[in-house]
Amino acid sequence: MEETPGPQQQKRILDLESLKALAHPLRVRIFDALSTYGPATASGLAERLGESSGATSYHLRQLEKHAFVRELEGAGTGRERWWERIPGAVDLGPEEFMRTEAGKQASNLVMNEWSKSRERNLADFVNRGMETMPEEWLKASMINVTSVFASAADLTEFNQKVLALLEQFALAHRARNVPGTRPVQIQFNGFPIVDGEEIPSPETGEKP
């Protein structure tokens, strides 16, 4: 199941109630915005996401109730509360969730919203990066796709190695509010092509 790497805290595996609480398009977008850009107010999130501050404030409270976000201590006033995402990786839950209609619908909604967010960020970089980014940031960036033939075991091993590297990098660089840094998103997906065919075993003619 999809997860977002996070340092220092143990990965949180969602229960069905928490997964269903997250499974709202605006809540996923709020959670994603706080992950990407850091702490924000309800009005700041409303401006970024094109929503009303009343809507973002309501959904922030729902996310807080299920421990996805928390109020940032020592920031803001009674009228202007600052919110941050609670650090740590989030796993959408065990495979048995997918065997229930509620779990399947909730996980599909969250994963689709995350996918839309990644596609928006990548398209924005492709369409505007050359005109807006300094040369050093363009040279530091990479967009790459590699297609291979691999077994399920090969893919599992590779994904685990990449995830370990991502977690190590996140541990060293998340929440570094120092000069010269800016929000950076590292996108990685490793999955089988759905309409591809598995090569059968030469001995039996059956798929391995």
N, C-alpha and C. Protein backbone atom coordinates (compact mmCIF):
# COMPACT_ATOMS: atom_id res chain seq x y z
N MET A 1 0.84 -1.18 0.00
CA MET A 1 0.00 0.00 0.00
C MET A 1 0.88 1.24 0.00
N GLU A 2 0.35 2.32 -0.48
CA GLU A 2 1.13 3.55 -0.63
C GLU A 2 1.51 4.11 0.73
N GLU A 3 2.67 4.74 0.79
CA GLU A 3 3.08 5.39 2.02
C GLU A 3 3.93 6.59 1.67
N THR A 4 4.03 7.53 2.61
CA THR A 4 4.88 8.70 2.44
C THR A 4 6.00 8.61 3.45
N PRO A 5 7.27 8.60 3.01
CA PRO A 5 8.38 8.44 3.95
C PRO A 5 8.44 9.57 4.95
N GLY A 6 8.79 9.24 6.17
CA GLY A 6 8.96 10.25 7.20
C GLY A 6 9.98 9.78 8.21
N PRO A 7 10.80 10.68 8.73
CA PRO A 7 11.88 10.29 9.61
C PRO A 7 11.48 10.20 11.07
N GLN A 8 12.31 9.57 11.84
CA GLN A 8 12.35 9.64 13.30
C GLN A 8 11.20 8.91 13.98
N GLN A 9 10.03 8.83 13.38
CA GLN A 9 8.93 8.15 14.01
C GLN A 9 8.63 6.85 13.27
N GLN A 10 8.12 5.89 14.04
CA GLN A 10 7.77 4.61 13.46
C GLN A 10 6.63 4.79 12.47
N LYS A 11 6.63 3.99 11.43
CA LYS A 11 5.58 4.07 10.42
C LYS A 11 4.23 3.81 11.05
N ARG A 12 3.26 4.63 10.73
CA ARG A 12 1.91 4.46 11.24
C ARG A 12 1.08 3.66 10.24
N ILE A 13 0.57 2.52 10.66
CA ILE A 13 -0.31 1.72 9.82
C ILE A 13 -1.74 2.07 10.19
N LEU A 14 -2.49 2.62 9.26
CA LEU A 14 -3.82 3.12 9.57
C LEU A 14 -4.79 1.99 9.83
N ASP A 15 -5.69 2.22 10.80
CA ASP A 15 -6.83 1.33 10.94
C ASP A 15 -7.92 1.83 10.00
N LEU A 16 -8.98 1.04 9.86
CA LEU A 16 -10.00 1.36 8.87
C LEU A 16 -10.69 2.68 9.19
N GLU A 17 -10.91 2.95 10.47
CA GLU A 17 -11.57 4.20 10.85
C GLU A 17 -10.74 5.41 10.44
N SER A 18 -9.42 5.36 10.69
CA SER A 18 -8.54 6.47 10.32
C SER A 18 -8.43 6.61 8.81
N LEU A 19 -8.35 5.48 8.11
CA LEU A 19 -8.29 5.52 6.65
C LEU A 19 -9.53 6.18 6.07
N LYS A 20 -10.70 5.82 6.59
CA LYS A 20 -11.95 6.41 6.11
C LYS A 20 -12.01 7.89 6.45
N ALA A 21 -11.43 8.30 7.59
CA ALA A 21 -11.41 9.71 7.95
C ALA A 21 -10.53 10.53 7.00
N LEU A 22 -9.45 9.94 6.54
CA LEU A 22 -8.56 10.63 5.60
C LEU A 22 -9.15 10.68 4.20
N ALA A 23 -10.03 9.73 3.89
CA ALA A 23 -10.52 9.55 2.52
C ALA A 23 -11.56 10.59 2.12
N HIS A 24 -11.12 11.83 2.07
CA HIS A 24 -11.92 12.94 1.56
C HIS A 24 -10.98 13.77 0.69
N PRO A 25 -11.38 14.14 -0.53
CA PRO A 25 -10.44 14.82 -1.43
C PRO A 25 -9.74 16.03 -0.81
N LEU A 26 -10.49 16.88 -0.09
CA LEU A 26 -9.86 18.08 0.47
C LEU A 26 -8.95 17.72 1.64
N ARG A 27 -9.30 16.72 2.41
CA ARG A 27 -8.43 16.32 3.53
C ARG A 27 -7.11 15.78 3.01
N VAL A 28 -7.17 14.99 1.95
CA VAL A 28 -5.92 14.48 1.37
C VAL A 28 -5.08 15.63 0.85
N ARG A 29 -5.72 16.61 0.20
CA ARG A 29 -4.98 17.76 -0.34
C ARG A 29 -4.36 18.60 0.77
N ILE A 30 -5.10 18.78 1.87
CA ILE A 30 -4.56 19.51 3.02
C ILE A 30 -3.36 18.77 3.61
N PHE A 31 -3.53 17.48 3.83
CA PHE A 31 -2.45 16.65 4.37
C PHE A 31 -1.23 16.72 3.46
N ASP A 32 -1.46 16.65 2.15
CA ASP A 32 -0.36 16.69 1.19
C ASP A 32 0.31 18.06 1.17
N ALA A 33 -0.47 19.13 1.26
CA ALA A 33 0.10 20.48 1.26
C ALA A 33 0.96 20.71 2.49
N LEU A 34 0.51 20.25 3.65
CA LEU A 34 1.31 20.40 4.86
C LEU A 34 2.58 19.56 4.78
N SER A 35 2.50 18.40 4.13
CA SER A 35 3.69 17.57 3.94
C SER A 35 4.69 18.25 3.03
N THR A 36 4.20 18.91 1.98
CA THR A 36 5.07 19.49 0.96
C THR A 36 5.63 20.84 1.35
N TYR A 37 4.76 21.72 1.87
CA TYR A 37 5.16 23.11 2.11
C TYR A 37 5.42 23.45 3.56
N GLY A 38 5.08 22.56 4.47
CA GLY A 38 5.29 22.83 5.88
C GLY A 38 4.07 23.48 6.52
N PRO A 39 4.21 23.95 7.77
CA PRO A 39 3.08 24.48 8.53
C PRO A 39 2.35 25.61 7.82
N ALA A 40 1.05 25.70 8.09
CA ALA A 40 0.22 26.71 7.44
C ALA A 40 -1.01 26.97 8.30
N THR A 41 -1.66 28.07 8.03
CA THR A 41 -2.94 28.37 8.67
C THR A 41 -4.08 27.89 7.78
N ALA A 42 -5.28 27.86 8.33
CA ALA A 42 -6.44 27.47 7.54
C ALA A 42 -6.64 28.44 6.38
N SER A 43 -6.43 29.72 6.61
CA SER A 43 -6.60 30.70 5.53
C SER A 43 -5.50 30.56 4.48
N GLY A 44 -4.28 30.26 4.92
CA GLY A 44 -3.20 30.04 3.97
C GLY A 44 -3.45 28.81 3.11
N LEU A 45 -3.94 27.74 3.71
CA LEU A 45 -4.27 26.54 2.95
C LEU A 45 -5.43 26.82 2.00
N ALA A 46 -6.41 27.60 2.45
CA ALA A 46 -7.55 27.93 1.60
C ALA A 46 -7.09 28.67 0.35
N GLU A 47 -6.18 29.61 0.52
CA GLU A 47 -5.67 30.35 -0.63
C GLU A 47 -4.89 29.44 -1.57
N ARG A 48 -4.07 28.58 -1.03
CA ARG A 48 -3.27 27.68 -1.86
C ARG A 48 -4.14 26.68 -2.61
N LEU A 49 -5.18 26.18 -1.97
CA LEU A 49 -5.99 25.11 -2.54
C LEU A 49 -7.25 25.60 -3.24
N GLY A 50 -7.48 26.91 -3.21
CA GLY A 50 -8.66 27.45 -3.87
C GLY A 50 -9.96 27.08 -3.17
N GLU A 51 -9.92 27.03 -1.83
CA GLU A 51 -11.09 26.68 -1.04
C GLU A 51 -11.40 27.81 -0.06
N SER A 52 -12.52 27.70 0.64
CA SER A 52 -12.84 28.68 1.67
C SER A 52 -12.10 28.32 2.95
N SER A 53 -11.80 29.34 3.76
CA SER A 53 -11.12 29.09 5.03
C SER A 53 -12.01 28.30 5.99
N GLY A 54 -13.32 28.46 5.84
CA GLY A 54 -14.24 27.67 6.66
C GLY A 54 -14.11 26.18 6.37
N ALA A 55 -13.96 25.85 5.08
CA ALA A 55 -13.82 24.44 4.69
C ALA A 55 -12.49 23.87 5.18
N THR A 56 -11.40 24.60 4.96
CA THR A 56 -10.09 24.08 5.40
C THR A 56 -10.03 23.97 6.92
N SER A 57 -10.65 24.92 7.63
CA SER A 57 -10.65 24.87 9.09
C SER A 57 -11.41 23.65 9.59
N TYR A 58 -12.55 23.36 8.99
CA TYR A 58 -13.33 22.19 9.39
C TYR A 58 -12.55 20.91 9.16
N HIS A 59 -11.97 20.77 7.98
CA HIS A 59 -11.28 19.52 7.66
C HIS A 59 -9.97 19.39 8.43
N LEU A 60 -9.34 20.49 8.80
CA LEU A 60 -8.17 20.43 9.68
C LEU A 60 -8.56 19.84 11.04
N ARG A 61 -9.71 20.23 11.55
CA ARG A 61 -10.16 19.70 12.84
C ARG A 61 -10.45 18.21 12.74
N GLN A 62 -11.00 17.78 11.61
CA GLN A 62 -11.24 16.35 11.43
C GLN A 62 -9.93 15.57 11.32
N LEU A 63 -8.96 16.14 10.63
CA LEU A 63 -7.65 15.50 10.54
C LEU A 63 -6.96 15.46 11.89
N GLU A 64 -7.13 16.51 12.69
CA GLU A 64 -6.55 16.53 14.03
C GLU A 64 -7.18 15.45 14.90
N LYS A 65 -8.49 15.25 14.77
CA LYS A 65 -9.20 14.26 15.56
C LYS A 65 -8.63 12.85 15.35
N HIS A 66 -8.13 12.61 14.14
CA HIS A 66 -7.60 11.28 13.82
C HIS A 66 -6.07 11.29 13.73
N ALA A 67 -5.44 12.31 14.34
CA ALA A 67 -3.98 12.34 14.53
C ALA A 67 -3.19 12.39 13.22
N PHE A 68 -3.73 13.10 12.23
CA PHE A 68 -2.96 13.34 11.01
C PHE A 68 -2.23 14.69 11.06
N VAL A 69 -2.83 15.66 11.75
CA VAL A 69 -2.23 16.98 11.89
C VAL A 69 -2.34 17.41 13.34
N ARG A 70 -1.60 18.46 13.69
CA ARG A 70 -1.66 19.00 15.04
C ARG A 70 -1.39 20.50 14.97
N GLU A 71 -1.85 21.20 15.99
CA GLU A 71 -1.58 22.63 16.07
C GLU A 71 -0.11 22.85 16.39
N LEU A 72 0.49 23.81 15.73
CA LEU A 72 1.91 24.11 15.93
C LEU A 72 2.06 24.95 17.19
N GLU A 73 2.74 24.40 18.17
CA GLU A 73 2.89 25.08 19.45
C GLU A 73 3.71 26.35 19.32
N GLY A 74 3.26 27.39 20.00
CA GLY A 74 3.99 28.64 20.03
C GLY A 74 3.86 29.50 18.80
N ALA A 75 2.95 29.14 17.90
CA ALA A 75 2.77 29.91 16.66
C ALA A 75 1.32 30.38 16.57
N GLY A 76 1.16 31.56 15.98
CA GLY A 76 -0.18 32.06 15.74
C GLY A 76 -0.83 32.65 16.97
N THR A 77 -2.11 33.00 16.80
CA THR A 77 -2.90 33.59 17.87
C THR A 77 -4.20 32.81 17.98
N GLY A 78 -5.09 33.28 18.85
CA GLY A 78 -6.37 32.62 18.99
C GLY A 78 -7.18 32.63 17.72
N ARG A 79 -7.00 33.65 16.90
CA ARG A 79 -7.75 33.78 15.66
C ARG A 79 -7.04 33.13 14.48
N GLU A 80 -5.76 32.93 14.58
CA GLU A 80 -4.98 32.41 13.46
C GLU A 80 -4.11 31.26 13.94
N ARG A 81 -4.65 30.06 13.91
CA ARG A 81 -3.92 28.88 14.37
C ARG A 81 -3.06 28.33 13.24
N TRP A 82 -1.86 27.91 13.59
CA TRP A 82 -0.96 27.28 12.62
C TRP A 82 -1.02 25.77 12.82
N TRP A 83 -0.99 25.05 11.69
CA TRP A 83 -1.11 23.60 11.71
C TRP A 83 0.09 22.97 11.02
N GLU A 84 0.46 21.78 11.50
CA GLU A 84 1.51 21.01 10.86
C GLU A 84 1.09 19.56 10.75
N ARG A 85 1.65 18.88 9.76
CA ARG A 85 1.43 17.44 9.65
C ARG A 85 2.24 16.75 10.74
N ILE A 86 1.65 15.74 11.39
CA ILE A 86 2.38 14.95 12.36
C ILE A 86 3.42 14.12 11.62
N PRO A 87 4.70 14.23 11.98
CA PRO A 87 5.77 13.53 11.24
C PRO A 87 5.62 12.02 11.31
N GLY A 88 6.21 11.36 10.33
CA GLY A 88 6.23 9.91 10.29
C GLY A 88 5.57 9.38 9.04
N ALA A 89 6.02 8.21 8.62
CA ALA A 89 5.44 7.58 7.44
C ALA A 89 4.02 7.12 7.72
N VAL A 90 3.20 7.11 6.68
CA VAL A 90 1.82 6.66 6.79
C VAL A 90 1.59 5.53 5.80
N ASP A 91 1.12 4.40 6.31
CA ASP A 91 0.79 3.25 5.48
C ASP A 91 -0.73 3.11 5.48
N LEU A 92 -1.31 2.89 4.31
CA LEU A 92 -2.76 2.88 4.20
C LEU A 92 -3.41 1.65 4.81
N GLY A 93 -2.64 0.73 5.35
CA GLY A 93 -3.25 -0.36 6.09
C GLY A 93 -3.01 -1.71 5.48
N PRO A 94 -3.39 -2.75 6.20
CA PRO A 94 -3.14 -4.12 5.75
C PRO A 94 -3.97 -4.48 4.53
N GLU A 95 -3.55 -5.55 3.86
CA GLU A 95 -4.20 -5.97 2.62
C GLU A 95 -5.65 -6.37 2.82
N GLU A 96 -6.03 -6.79 4.02
CA GLU A 96 -7.41 -7.22 4.22
C GLU A 96 -8.40 -6.06 4.06
N PHE A 97 -7.91 -4.82 4.19
CA PHE A 97 -8.80 -3.69 3.95
C PHE A 97 -9.36 -3.74 2.53
N MET A 98 -8.53 -4.18 1.59
CA MET A 98 -8.95 -4.22 0.19
C MET A 98 -10.02 -5.28 -0.06
N ARG A 99 -10.24 -6.14 0.91
CA ARG A 99 -11.27 -7.17 0.75
C ARG A 99 -12.64 -6.68 1.19
N THR A 100 -12.68 -5.47 1.75
CA THR A 100 -13.96 -4.87 2.11
C THR A 100 -14.23 -3.71 1.17
N GLU A 101 -15.49 -3.47 0.88
CA GLU A 101 -15.83 -2.39 -0.04
C GLU A 101 -15.44 -1.03 0.52
N ALA A 102 -15.66 -0.84 1.84
CA ALA A 102 -15.31 0.43 2.47
C ALA A 102 -13.81 0.68 2.41
N GLY A 103 -13.02 -0.36 2.71
CA GLY A 103 -11.57 -0.20 2.67
C GLY A 103 -11.06 0.05 1.27
N LYS A 104 -11.63 -0.65 0.29
CA LYS A 104 -11.20 -0.47 -1.09
C LYS A 104 -11.51 0.93 -1.58
N GLN A 105 -12.72 1.41 -1.32
CA GLN A 105 -13.09 2.75 -1.77
C GLN A 105 -12.24 3.82 -1.10
N ALA A 106 -12.00 3.67 0.21
CA ALA A 106 -11.21 4.67 0.93
C ALA A 106 -9.77 4.71 0.45
N SER A 107 -9.14 3.53 0.32
CA SER A 107 -7.74 3.51 -0.11
C SER A 107 -7.60 3.98 -1.56
N ASN A 108 -8.55 3.64 -2.41
CA ASN A 108 -8.50 4.10 -3.80
C ASN A 108 -8.61 5.62 -3.87
N LEU A 109 -9.49 6.20 -3.06
CA LEU A 109 -9.64 7.66 -3.08
C LEU A 109 -8.35 8.34 -2.65
N VAL A 110 -7.75 7.86 -1.55
CA VAL A 110 -6.53 8.48 -1.05
C VAL A 110 -5.40 8.35 -2.07
N MET A 111 -5.22 7.15 -2.62
CA MET A 111 -4.13 6.95 -3.58
C MET A 111 -4.35 7.75 -4.85
N ASN A 112 -5.60 7.87 -5.31
CA ASN A 112 -5.87 8.67 -6.50
C ASN A 112 -5.60 10.15 -6.25
N GLU A 113 -5.96 10.64 -5.08
CA GLU A 113 -5.69 12.05 -4.77
C GLU A 113 -4.20 12.31 -4.65
N TRP A 114 -3.45 11.38 -4.04
CA TRP A 114 -2.00 11.53 -3.98
C TRP A 114 -1.41 11.53 -5.40
N SER A 115 -1.92 10.65 -6.25
CA SER A 115 -1.44 10.58 -7.62
C SER A 115 -1.71 11.88 -8.37
N LYS A 116 -2.90 12.45 -8.18
CA LYS A 116 -3.23 13.72 -8.84
C LYS A 116 -2.29 14.83 -8.37
N SER A 117 -2.00 14.84 -7.08
CA SER A 117 -1.10 15.85 -6.54
C SER A 117 0.29 15.73 -7.14
N ARG A 118 0.81 14.52 -7.23
CA ARG A 118 2.13 14.31 -7.81
C ARG A 118 2.15 14.72 -9.28
N GLU A 119 1.10 14.37 -10.00
CA GLU A 119 1.03 14.73 -11.41
C GLU A 119 0.99 16.24 -11.58
N ARG A 120 0.23 16.94 -10.70
CA ARG A 120 0.19 18.40 -10.77
C ARG A 120 1.56 19.01 -10.53
N ASN A 121 2.25 18.52 -9.51
CA ASN A 121 3.57 19.06 -9.18
C ASN A 121 4.57 18.82 -10.31
N LEU A 122 4.54 17.61 -10.88
CA LEU A 122 5.46 17.30 -11.96
C LEU A 122 5.14 18.12 -13.20
N ALA A 123 3.85 18.24 -13.55
CA ALA A 123 3.46 19.03 -14.71
C ALA A 123 3.82 20.50 -14.53
N ASP A 124 3.67 21.01 -13.31
CA ASP A 124 4.02 22.41 -13.04
C ASP A 124 5.51 22.63 -13.23
N PHE A 125 6.32 21.66 -12.78
CA PHE A 125 7.77 21.80 -12.98
C PHE A 125 8.13 21.73 -14.46
N VAL A 126 7.52 20.79 -15.19
CA VAL A 126 7.80 20.65 -16.63
C VAL A 126 7.39 21.90 -17.38
N ASN A 127 6.22 22.45 -17.05
CA ASN A 127 5.67 23.58 -17.81
C ASN A 127 6.26 24.92 -17.42
N ARG A 128 6.69 25.08 -16.16
CA ARG A 128 7.15 26.40 -15.71
C ARG A 128 8.56 26.41 -15.16
N GLY A 129 9.13 25.22 -14.94
CA GLY A 129 10.44 25.16 -14.30
C GLY A 129 11.54 25.88 -15.07
N MET A 130 11.57 25.70 -16.39
CA MET A 130 12.63 26.31 -17.20
C MET A 130 12.62 27.83 -17.11
N GLU A 131 11.43 28.41 -16.92
CA GLU A 131 11.32 29.87 -16.87
C GLU A 131 11.48 30.43 -15.46
N THR A 132 11.23 29.61 -14.45
CA THR A 132 11.19 30.14 -13.09
C THR A 132 12.33 29.68 -12.19
N MET A 133 12.96 28.56 -12.51
CA MET A 133 13.97 28.00 -11.62
C MET A 133 15.38 28.44 -11.99
N PRO A 134 16.22 28.72 -10.99
CA PRO A 134 17.63 29.00 -11.26
C PRO A 134 18.30 27.77 -11.89
N GLU A 135 19.38 28.01 -12.61
CA GLU A 135 20.06 26.94 -13.33
C GLU A 135 20.54 25.83 -12.39
N GLU A 136 20.97 26.18 -11.18
CA GLU A 136 21.47 25.16 -10.26
C GLU A 136 20.36 24.18 -9.87
N TRP A 137 19.13 24.66 -9.77
CA TRP A 137 18.02 23.77 -9.42
C TRP A 137 17.61 22.92 -10.62
N LEU A 138 17.71 23.47 -11.81
CA LEU A 138 17.42 22.67 -13.01
C LEU A 138 18.42 21.54 -13.17
N LYS A 139 19.69 21.83 -12.91
CA LYS A 139 20.72 20.80 -13.02
C LYS A 139 20.57 19.74 -11.93
N ALA A 140 20.05 20.13 -10.78
CA ALA A 140 19.90 19.19 -9.68
C ALA A 140 18.68 18.29 -9.84
N SER A 141 17.79 18.64 -10.74
CA SER A 141 16.53 17.91 -10.89
C SER A 141 16.67 16.76 -11.88
N MET A 142 15.76 15.79 -11.78
CA MET A 142 15.78 14.65 -12.68
C MET A 142 14.35 14.15 -12.91
N ILE A 143 14.04 13.84 -14.17
CA ILE A 143 12.79 13.15 -14.52
C ILE A 143 13.20 11.94 -15.33
N ASN A 144 12.90 10.76 -14.83
CA ASN A 144 13.40 9.55 -15.48
C ASN A 144 12.39 8.43 -15.35
N VAL A 145 12.26 7.64 -16.41
CA VAL A 145 11.43 6.44 -16.39
C VAL A 145 12.26 5.29 -16.95
N THR A 146 12.28 4.17 -16.26
CA THR A 146 13.01 2.98 -16.70
C THR A 146 12.05 1.80 -16.74
N SER A 147 12.01 1.10 -17.87
CA SER A 147 11.15 -0.07 -18.00
C SER A 147 12.01 -1.32 -18.08
N VAL A 148 11.68 -2.34 -17.29
CA VAL A 148 12.46 -3.58 -17.24
C VAL A 148 11.50 -4.77 -17.16
N PHE A 149 12.06 -5.98 -17.29
CA PHE A 149 11.34 -7.21 -16.96
C PHE A 149 11.91 -7.72 -15.64
N ALA A 150 11.05 -7.98 -14.68
CA ALA A 150 11.51 -8.42 -13.36
C ALA A 150 10.46 -9.32 -12.73
N SER A 151 10.90 -10.14 -11.79
CA SER A 151 9.97 -10.97 -11.03
C SER A 151 9.42 -10.16 -9.86
N ALA A 152 8.38 -10.69 -9.23
CA ALA A 152 7.82 -10.03 -8.06
C ALA A 152 8.87 -9.91 -6.96
N ALA A 153 9.70 -10.93 -6.81
CA ALA A 153 10.76 -10.89 -5.79
C ALA A 153 11.79 -9.81 -6.12
N ASP A 154 12.15 -9.70 -7.41
CA ASP A 154 13.10 -8.66 -7.83
C ASP A 154 12.56 -7.27 -7.50
N LEU A 155 11.29 -7.05 -7.83
CA LEU A 155 10.68 -5.74 -7.62
C LEU A 155 10.56 -5.43 -6.13
N THR A 156 10.20 -6.42 -5.34
CA THR A 156 10.11 -6.23 -3.89
C THR A 156 11.46 -5.81 -3.31
N GLU A 157 12.51 -6.52 -3.70
CA GLU A 157 13.85 -6.21 -3.19
C GLU A 157 14.29 -4.80 -3.60
N PHE A 158 14.05 -4.45 -4.86
CA PHE A 158 14.46 -3.13 -5.35
C PHE A 158 13.68 -2.03 -4.63
N ASN A 159 12.36 -2.20 -4.51
CA ASN A 159 11.55 -1.18 -3.85
C ASN A 159 11.98 -0.98 -2.40
N GLN A 160 12.31 -2.07 -1.71
CA GLN A 160 12.74 -1.94 -0.32
C GLN A 160 14.06 -1.18 -0.21
N LYS A 161 14.97 -1.40 -1.16
CA LYS A 161 16.25 -0.68 -1.14
C LYS A 161 16.04 0.81 -1.39
N VAL A 162 15.18 1.13 -2.36
CA VAL A 162 14.92 2.54 -2.66
C VAL A 162 14.22 3.21 -1.48
N LEU A 163 13.26 2.52 -0.88
CA LEU A 163 12.55 3.09 0.26
C LEU A 163 13.51 3.38 1.42
N ALA A 164 14.45 2.48 1.66
CA ALA A 164 15.43 2.71 2.72
C ALA A 164 16.27 3.95 2.43
N LEU A 165 16.64 4.14 1.16
CA LEU A 165 17.41 5.32 0.78
C LEU A 165 16.59 6.59 0.94
N LEU A 166 15.30 6.54 0.54
CA LEU A 166 14.41 7.69 0.70
C LEU A 166 14.25 8.07 2.17
N GLU A 167 14.08 7.07 3.01
CA GLU A 167 13.91 7.34 4.44
C GLU A 167 15.17 7.94 5.04
N GLN A 168 16.33 7.46 4.60
CA GLN A 168 17.60 8.01 5.08
C GLN A 168 17.74 9.47 4.66
N PHE A 169 17.39 9.75 3.41
CA PHE A 169 17.48 11.13 2.90
C PHE A 169 16.49 12.03 3.62
N ALA A 170 15.27 11.53 3.84
CA ALA A 170 14.25 12.32 4.53
C ALA A 170 14.67 12.63 5.95
N LEU A 171 15.28 11.66 6.63
CA LEU A 171 15.73 11.87 7.99
C LEU A 171 16.73 13.01 8.08
N ALA A 172 17.58 13.14 7.07
CA ALA A 172 18.62 14.16 7.09
C ALA A 172 18.13 15.52 6.62
N HIS A 173 17.01 15.54 5.85
CA HIS A 173 16.65 16.78 5.20
C HIS A 173 15.25 17.30 5.47
N ARG A 174 14.38 16.51 6.08
CA ARG A 174 13.04 17.02 6.34
C ARG A 174 13.10 18.08 7.44
N ALA A 175 12.26 19.10 7.29
CA ALA A 175 12.12 20.17 8.29
C ALA A 175 13.41 20.95 8.51
N ARG A 176 14.25 21.02 7.47
CA ARG A 176 15.47 21.83 7.57
C ARG A 176 15.16 23.23 7.08
N ASN A 177 14.88 24.14 7.99
CA ASN A 177 14.55 25.51 7.63
C ASN A 177 15.83 26.35 7.65
N VAL A 178 16.68 26.13 6.64
CA VAL A 178 17.96 26.83 6.57
C VAL A 178 18.09 27.50 5.21
N PRO A 179 18.89 28.56 5.11
CA PRO A 179 19.05 29.26 3.83
C PRO A 179 19.50 28.32 2.72
N GLY A 180 18.95 28.53 1.54
CA GLY A 180 19.33 27.73 0.38
C GLY A 180 18.44 26.53 0.14
N THR A 181 17.56 26.19 1.11
CA THR A 181 16.66 25.07 0.92
C THR A 181 15.30 25.56 0.45
N ARG A 182 14.55 24.67 -0.18
CA ARG A 182 13.19 24.95 -0.61
C ARG A 182 12.44 23.63 -0.63
N PRO A 183 11.12 23.64 -0.69
CA PRO A 183 10.39 22.36 -0.77
C PRO A 183 10.80 21.57 -2.01
N VAL A 184 11.14 20.32 -1.81
CA VAL A 184 11.53 19.41 -2.89
C VAL A 184 10.68 18.15 -2.76
N GLN A 185 10.17 17.65 -3.87
CA GLN A 185 9.40 16.40 -3.84
C GLN A 185 10.14 15.35 -4.65
N ILE A 186 10.35 14.20 -4.02
CA ILE A 186 10.98 13.06 -4.69
C ILE A 186 9.89 12.03 -4.96
N GLN A 187 9.61 11.81 -6.22
CA GLN A 187 8.56 10.86 -6.59
C GLN A 187 9.19 9.55 -7.04
N PHE A 188 8.70 8.47 -6.47
CA PHE A 188 9.18 7.15 -6.89
C PHE A 188 8.02 6.17 -6.91
N ASN A 189 7.87 5.45 -8.01
CA ASN A 189 6.87 4.41 -8.14
C ASN A 189 7.53 3.19 -8.77
N GLY A 190 7.23 2.02 -8.26
CA GLY A 190 7.71 0.78 -8.87
C GLY A 190 6.57 -0.21 -8.89
N PHE A 191 6.04 -0.50 -10.06
CA PHE A 191 4.83 -1.32 -10.12
C PHE A 191 4.77 -2.09 -11.44
N PRO A 192 4.02 -3.20 -11.50
CA PRO A 192 3.88 -3.95 -12.75
C PRO A 192 2.90 -3.25 -13.70
N ILE A 193 3.17 -3.33 -14.99
CA ILE A 193 2.26 -2.78 -16.00
C ILE A 193 1.02 -3.67 -16.05
N VAL A 194 -0.14 -3.08 -15.84
CA VAL A 194 -1.37 -3.87 -15.65
C VAL A 194 -1.72 -4.69 -16.89
N ASP A 195 -1.54 -4.12 -18.08
CA ASP A 195 -1.92 -4.86 -19.29
C ASP A 195 -0.75 -5.65 -19.89
N GLY A 196 0.36 -5.79 -19.15
CA GLY A 196 1.46 -6.64 -19.58
C GLY A 196 1.17 -8.09 -19.21
N GLU A 197 1.94 -9.00 -19.78
CA GLU A 197 1.75 -10.43 -19.52
C GLU A 197 2.97 -11.02 -18.83
N GLU A 198 2.73 -11.89 -17.87
CA GLU A 198 3.81 -12.57 -17.17
C GLU A 198 4.36 -13.69 -18.05
N ILE A 199 5.68 -13.76 -18.19
CA ILE A 199 6.33 -14.76 -19.04
C ILE A 199 6.23 -16.13 -18.37
N PRO A 200 5.73 -17.16 -19.06
CA PRO A 200 5.56 -18.47 -18.45
C PRO A 200 6.89 -19.18 -18.23
N SER A 201 6.91 -20.12 -17.30
CA SER A 201 8.09 -20.92 -17.02
C SER A 201 8.37 -21.84 -18.20
N PRO A 202 9.62 -21.95 -18.69
CA PRO A 202 9.92 -22.79 -19.85
C PRO A 202 9.73 -24.28 -19.56
N GLU A 203 9.84 -24.68 -18.28
CA GLU A 203 9.71 -26.10 -17.96
C GLU A 203 8.26 -26.56 -17.99
N THR A 204 7.38 -25.73 -17.45
CA THR A 204 6.00 -26.16 -17.29
C THR A 204 5.03 -25.44 -18.22
N GLY A 205 5.49 -24.33 -18.79
CA GLY A 205 4.58 -23.51 -19.58
C GLY A 205 3.63 -22.71 -18.73
N GLU A 206 3.85 -22.76 -17.41
CA GLU A 206 2.99 -22.02 -16.50
C GLU A 206 3.71 -20.79 -16.00
N LYS A 207 2.93 -19.81 -15.57
CA LYS A 207 3.51 -18.61 -15.01
C LYS A 207 4.15 -18.95 -13.69
N PRO A 208 5.37 -18.44 -13.47
CA PRO A 208 6.08 -18.77 -12.22
C PRO A 208 5.37 -18.17 -11.00
